[in-house]
Amino acid sequence: MNIILLEHIEKVGAKHDVVKVKDGYGRNYLLPKGLAIVANKVNLAKLEGMKKQASKKEAVIITALKETAAKVAGTTLKITAKAGETGRLFGSVSAQHIANALKELGVEADKRIIEMPDEVKELGTYTATVKFHPEVVQEVKFEVVAEGAEVDELAE
C-alpha cells in the first residue's frame, strides 16, 4: 500500500514522503490515526500544496524561534548550587536547572532540547547548547556559583 505521510514516523519516513507500507499497518494504524493518507492521484496532486503550506508555517516558526534564541544569545545565566569549600558541588547541575534559569528570562525551553557539557560538578563557567529547532541552535553560557556566595557579595 502506498501512502503519503502527514507526520514524521520513525523507521517509516519523513513528513510528506510517499512510502510503501504493509496493508494492515497502513489501514489499521496510520490511516485511522491521521498519520497518513492514501497515495492516489487526487492526494498526490494535493501533495505539492501541502508541502508549500508546511514550508510557510515552518518559516514562521523558525523566525519566532530565532527571536527567542536572540534573547538568550548575549546573556550568562547564574545557577546557584550547594558546594563544598573546594568548589565541588553536592550533586550536579542538570538541563532542568538551565531550563528553570531560561524560564526566569521569559524563554520557554524543555530540558530535553538542552544539551549539557559532560558533567557539571564544580563551580565555574560552562556552555550548554539549546536546540530550539534543527535549524535554530543557540549556545548558552552559564555560571555555577555557590549558594553562600551571593550572600557574601550582598554583605560587601
C-alpha atoms as a PDB file:
ATOM      1  CA  MET A   1       0.000   0.000   0.000  1.00  0.00           C
ATOM      2  CA  ASN A   2       1.415   3.396  -0.994  1.00  0.00           C
ATOM      3  CA  ILE A   3       0.712   6.233   1.410  1.00  0.00           C
ATOM      4  CA  ILE A   4       1.664   9.882   1.950  1.00  0.00           C
ATOM      5  CA  LEU A   5       2.921  10.522   5.480  1.00  0.00           C
ATOM      6  CA  LEU A   6       1.436  13.544   7.245  1.00  0.00           C
ATOM      7  CA  GLU A   7       3.869  13.286  10.185  1.00  0.00           C
ATOM      8  CA  HIS A   8       7.441  12.083  10.613  1.00  0.00           C
ATOM      9  CA  ILE A   9       7.307   8.436  11.678  1.00  0.00           C
ATOM     10  CA  GLU A  10      10.457   6.769  12.944  1.00  0.00           C
ATOM     11  CA  LYS A  11      11.707   3.951  10.698  1.00  0.00           C
ATOM     12  CA  VAL A  12       8.988   4.663   8.102  1.00  0.00           C
ATOM     13  CA  GLY A  13       9.722   8.091   6.651  1.00  0.00           C
ATOM     14  CA  ALA A  14       9.633  11.843   6.947  1.00  0.00           C
ATOM     15  CA  LYS A  15       6.637  14.130   6.666  1.00  0.00           C
ATOM     16  CA  HIS A  16       5.215  14.315   3.098  1.00  0.00           C
ATOM     17  CA  ASP A  17       7.148  11.263   1.901  1.00  0.00           C
ATOM     18  CA  VAL A  18       5.384   8.760  -0.319  1.00  0.00           C
ATOM     19  CA  VAL A  19       6.221   5.341   1.113  1.00  0.00           C
ATOM     20  CA  LYS A  20       5.134   1.756   0.693  1.00  0.00           C
ATOM     21  CA  VAL A  21       3.928   0.027   3.863  1.00  0.00           C
ATOM     22  CA  LYS A  22       2.175  -3.233   4.582  1.00  0.00           C
ATOM     23  CA  ASP A  23      -1.581  -3.075   4.044  1.00  0.00           C
ATOM     24  CA  GLY A  24      -2.502  -3.845   7.654  1.00  0.00           C
ATOM     25  CA  TYR A  25      -0.149  -1.246   9.109  1.00  0.00           C
ATOM     26  CA  GLY A  26      -1.464   1.435   6.788  1.00  0.00           C
ATOM     27  CA  ARG A  27      -5.148   0.552   7.019  1.00  0.00           C
ATOM     28  CA  ASN A  28      -5.322  -0.242  10.748  1.00  0.00           C
ATOM     29  CA  TYR A  29      -2.853   2.224  12.240  1.00  0.00           C
ATOM     30  CA  LEU A  30      -1.619   5.052  10.012  1.00  0.00           C
ATOM     31  CA  LEU A  31      -4.882   5.982   8.279  1.00  0.00           C
ATOM     32  CA  PRO A  32      -7.225   5.895  11.328  1.00  0.00           C
ATOM     33  CA  LYS A  33      -4.778   7.920  13.471  1.00  0.00           C
ATOM     34  CA  GLY A  34      -4.487  10.581  10.767  1.00  0.00           C
ATOM     35  CA  LEU A  35      -0.752   9.995  10.320  1.00  0.00           C
ATOM     36  CA  ALA A  36      -1.068   9.270   6.607  1.00  0.00           C
ATOM     37  CA  ILE A  37      -3.363   9.404   3.599  1.00  0.00           C
ATOM     38  CA  VAL A  38      -3.648   7.014   0.676  1.00  0.00           C
ATOM     39  CA  ALA A  39      -1.363   7.942  -2.229  1.00  0.00           C
ATOM     40  CA  ASN A  40      -3.913   8.128  -5.038  1.00  0.00           C
ATOM     41  CA  LYS A  41      -3.946  10.604  -7.957  1.00  0.00           C
ATOM     42  CA  VAL A  42      -6.011  13.224  -6.105  1.00  0.00           C
ATOM     43  CA  ASN A  43      -3.873  13.145  -2.949  1.00  0.00           C
ATOM     44  CA  LEU A  44      -0.627  13.137  -4.935  1.00  0.00           C
ATOM     45  CA  ALA A  45      -1.842  16.292  -6.688  1.00  0.00           C
ATOM     46  CA  LYS A  46      -2.564  17.888  -3.284  1.00  0.00           C
ATOM     47  CA  LEU A  47       0.916  16.936  -2.023  1.00  0.00           C
ATOM     48  CA  GLU A  48       2.656  19.976  -3.571  1.00  0.00           C
ATOM     49  CA  GLY A  49       0.144  22.321  -1.953  1.00  0.00           C
ATOM     50  CA  MET A  50       0.626  20.618   1.401  1.00  0.00           C
ATOM     51  CA  LYS A  51       4.402  20.987   1.088  1.00  0.00           C
ATOM     52  CA  LYS A  52       4.087  24.715   0.303  1.00  0.00           C
ATOM     53  CA  GLN A  53       1.773  25.296   3.267  1.00  0.00           C
ATOM     54  CA  ALA A  54       4.073  23.363   5.585  1.00  0.00           C
ATOM     55  CA  SER A  55       7.119  25.327   4.434  1.00  0.00           C
ATOM     56  CA  LYS A  56       5.303  28.628   5.087  1.00  0.00           C
ATOM     57  CA  LYS A  57       4.329  27.508   8.595  1.00  0.00           C
ATOM     58  CA  GLU A  58       7.860  26.254   9.180  1.00  0.00           C
ATOM     59  CA  ALA A  59       9.305  29.624   8.133  1.00  0.00           C
ATOM     60  CA  VAL A  60       7.079  31.448  10.632  1.00  0.00           C
ATOM     61  CA  ILE A  61       8.073  29.052  13.409  1.00  0.00           C
ATOM     62  CA  ILE A  62      11.770  29.373  12.595  1.00  0.00           C
ATOM     63  CA  THR A  63      11.535  33.182  12.633  1.00  0.00           C
ATOM     64  CA  ALA A  64       9.898  33.117  16.071  1.00  0.00           C
ATOM     65  CA  LEU A  65      12.485  30.674  17.403  1.00  0.00           C
ATOM     66  CA  LYS A  66      15.347  32.810  16.060  1.00  0.00           C
ATOM     67  CA  GLU A  67      13.944  35.764  18.020  1.00  0.00           C
ATOM     68  CA  THR A  68      13.813  33.588  21.125  1.00  0.00           C
ATOM     69  CA  ALA A  69      17.393  32.436  20.548  1.00  0.00           C
ATOM     70  CA  ALA A  70      18.481  36.078  20.163  1.00  0.00           C
ATOM     71  CA  LYS A  71      17.109  36.832  23.653  1.00  0.00           C
ATOM     72  CA  VAL A  72      19.413  34.189  25.097  1.00  0.00           C
ATOM     73  CA  ALA A  73      22.461  34.925  22.928  1.00  0.00           C
ATOM     74  CA  GLY A  74      24.313  37.531  24.954  1.00  0.00           C
ATOM     75  CA  THR A  75      23.323  36.527  28.463  1.00  0.00           C
ATOM     76  CA  THR A  76      25.142  34.481  31.066  1.00  0.00           C
ATOM     77  CA  LEU A  77      22.836  32.535  33.345  1.00  0.00           C
ATOM     78  CA  LYS A  78      23.691  32.284  37.039  1.00  0.00           C
ATOM     79  CA  ILE A  79      22.894  28.972  38.646  1.00  0.00           C
ATOM     80  CA  THR A  80      23.291  28.559  42.366  1.00  0.00           C
ATOM     81  CA  ALA A  81      24.174  25.212  43.846  1.00  0.00           C
ATOM     82  CA  LYS A  82      25.402  23.853  47.144  1.00  0.00           C
ATOM     83  CA  ALA A  83      29.151  23.432  47.057  1.00  0.00           C
ATOM     84  CA  GLY A  84      31.925  22.429  49.389  1.00  0.00           C
ATOM     85  CA  GLU A  85      34.910  24.601  50.259  1.00  0.00           C
ATOM     86  CA  THR A  86      36.958  23.091  47.428  1.00  0.00           C
ATOM     87  CA  GLY A  87      34.416  24.208  44.820  1.00  0.00           C
ATOM     88  CA  ARG A  88      32.998  20.734  44.268  1.00  0.00           C
ATOM     89  CA  LEU A  89      29.200  20.596  44.051  1.00  0.00           C
ATOM     90  CA  PHE A  90      26.970  18.403  46.180  1.00  0.00           C
ATOM     91  CA  GLY A  91      25.235  16.786  43.210  1.00  0.00           C
ATOM     92  CA  SER A  92      25.434  18.287  39.738  1.00  0.00           C
ATOM     93  CA  VAL A  93      23.837  20.904  37.523  1.00  0.00           C
ATOM     94  CA  SER A  94      21.404  19.391  35.034  1.00  0.00           C
ATOM     95  CA  ALA A  95      19.469  20.527  31.993  1.00  0.00           C
ATOM     96  CA  GLN A  96      16.473  21.144  34.272  1.00  0.00           C
ATOM     97  CA  HIS A  97      18.455  23.837  36.110  1.00  0.00           C
ATOM     98  CA  ILE A  98      19.218  25.543  32.777  1.00  0.00           C
ATOM     99  CA  ALA A  99      15.552  25.293  31.727  1.00  0.00           C
ATOM    100  CA  ASN A 100      14.468  26.938  35.002  1.00  0.00           C
ATOM    101  CA  ALA A 101      17.018  29.754  34.567  1.00  0.00           C
ATOM    102  CA  LEU A 102      15.801  30.321  30.991  1.00  0.00           C
ATOM    103  CA  LYS A 103      12.206  30.431  32.233  1.00  0.00           C
ATOM    104  CA  GLU A 104      13.176  33.307  34.546  1.00  0.00           C
ATOM    105  CA  LEU A 105      14.360  35.183  31.429  1.00  0.00           C
ATOM    106  CA  GLY A 106      10.987  34.542  29.805  1.00  0.00           C
ATOM    107  CA  VAL A 107      12.203  31.815  27.445  1.00  0.00           C
ATOM    108  CA  GLU A 108      10.321  28.531  27.483  1.00  0.00           C
ATOM    109  CA  ALA A 109      12.718  25.640  26.865  1.00  0.00           C
ATOM    110  CA  ASP A 110      12.134  21.996  27.627  1.00  0.00           C
ATOM    111  CA  LYS A 111      15.003  20.215  29.336  1.00  0.00           C
ATOM    112  CA  ARG A 112      15.110  17.667  26.504  1.00  0.00           C
ATOM    113  CA  ILE A 113      16.291  20.269  23.980  1.00  0.00           C
ATOM    114  CA  ILE A 114      19.192  21.372  26.173  1.00  0.00           C
ATOM    115  CA  GLU A 115      22.488  19.615  25.532  1.00  0.00           C
ATOM    116  CA  MET A 116      24.796  19.903  28.519  1.00  0.00           C
ATOM    117  CA  PRO A 117      28.586  19.721  28.575  1.00  0.00           C
ATOM    118  CA  ASP A 118      29.718  16.488  30.218  1.00  0.00           C
ATOM    119  CA  GLU A 119      29.035  16.507  33.948  1.00  0.00           C
ATOM    120  CA  VAL A 120      28.874  19.852  35.705  1.00  0.00           C
ATOM    121  CA  LYS A 121      30.085  19.027  39.204  1.00  0.00           C
ATOM    122  CA  GLU A 122      32.281  22.030  40.009  1.00  0.00           C
ATOM    123  CA  LEU A 123      31.883  25.786  40.263  1.00  0.00           C
ATOM    124  CA  GLY A 124      32.769  27.711  37.124  1.00  0.00           C
ATOM    125  CA  THR A 125      31.561  28.875  33.740  1.00  0.00           C
ATOM    126  CA  TYR A 126      30.206  26.411  31.190  1.00  0.00           C
ATOM    127  CA  THR A 127      28.425  26.423  27.844  1.00  0.00           C
ATOM    128  CA  ALA A 128      25.271  24.455  27.038  1.00  0.00           C
ATOM    129  CA  THR A 129      23.604  24.110  23.651  1.00  0.00           C
ATOM    130  CA  VAL A 130      19.872  24.731  23.266  1.00  0.00           C
ATOM    131  CA  LYS A 131      18.370  23.122  20.158  1.00  0.00           C
ATOM    132  CA  PHE A 132      15.127  25.027  19.623  1.00  0.00           C
ATOM    133  CA  HIS A 133      14.796  23.543  16.119  1.00  0.00           C
ATOM    134  CA  PRO A 134      17.174  21.636  13.836  1.00  0.00           C
ATOM    135  CA  GLU A 135      17.891  24.964  12.107  1.00  0.00           C
ATOM    136  CA  VAL A 136      17.914  27.115  15.266  1.00  0.00           C
ATOM    137  CA  VAL A 137      20.666  26.150  17.705  1.00  0.00           C
ATOM    138  CA  GLN A 138      21.941  28.571  20.346  1.00  0.00           C
ATOM    139  CA  GLU A 139      24.804  28.249  22.792  1.00  0.00           C
ATOM    140  CA  VAL A 140      24.058  29.477  26.309  1.00  0.00           C
ATOM    141  CA  LYS A 141      26.748  30.376  28.816  1.00  0.00           C
ATOM    142  CA  PHE A 142      26.027  29.669  32.442  1.00  0.00           C
ATOM    143  CA  GLU A 143      27.974  30.230  35.609  1.00  0.00           C
ATOM    144  CA  VAL A 144      27.671  27.902  38.545  1.00  0.00           C
ATOM    145  CA  VAL A 145      28.090  29.763  41.824  1.00  0.00           C
ATOM    146  CA  ALA A 146      27.943  28.531  45.413  1.00  0.00           C
ATOM    147  CA  GLU A 147      24.729  29.258  47.323  1.00  0.00           C
ATOM    148  CA  GLY A 148      26.547  31.155  50.084  1.00  0.00           C
ATOM    149  CA  ALA A 149      28.499  33.284  47.580  1.00  0.00           C
ATOM    150  CA  GLU A 150      25.505  35.508  46.810  1.00  0.00           C
ATOM    151  CA  VAL A 151      25.028  36.313  50.490  1.00  0.00           C
ATOM    152  CA  ASP A 152      28.734  37.215  50.784  1.00  0.00           C
ATOM    153  CA  GLU A 153      28.527  39.533  47.760  1.00  0.00           C
ATOM    154  CA  LEU A 154      25.494  41.332  49.185  1.00  0.00           C
ATOM    155  CA  ALA A 155      27.216  41.800  52.557  1.00  0.00           C
ATOM    156  CA  GLU A 156      30.150  43.574  50.888  1.00  0.00           C
END
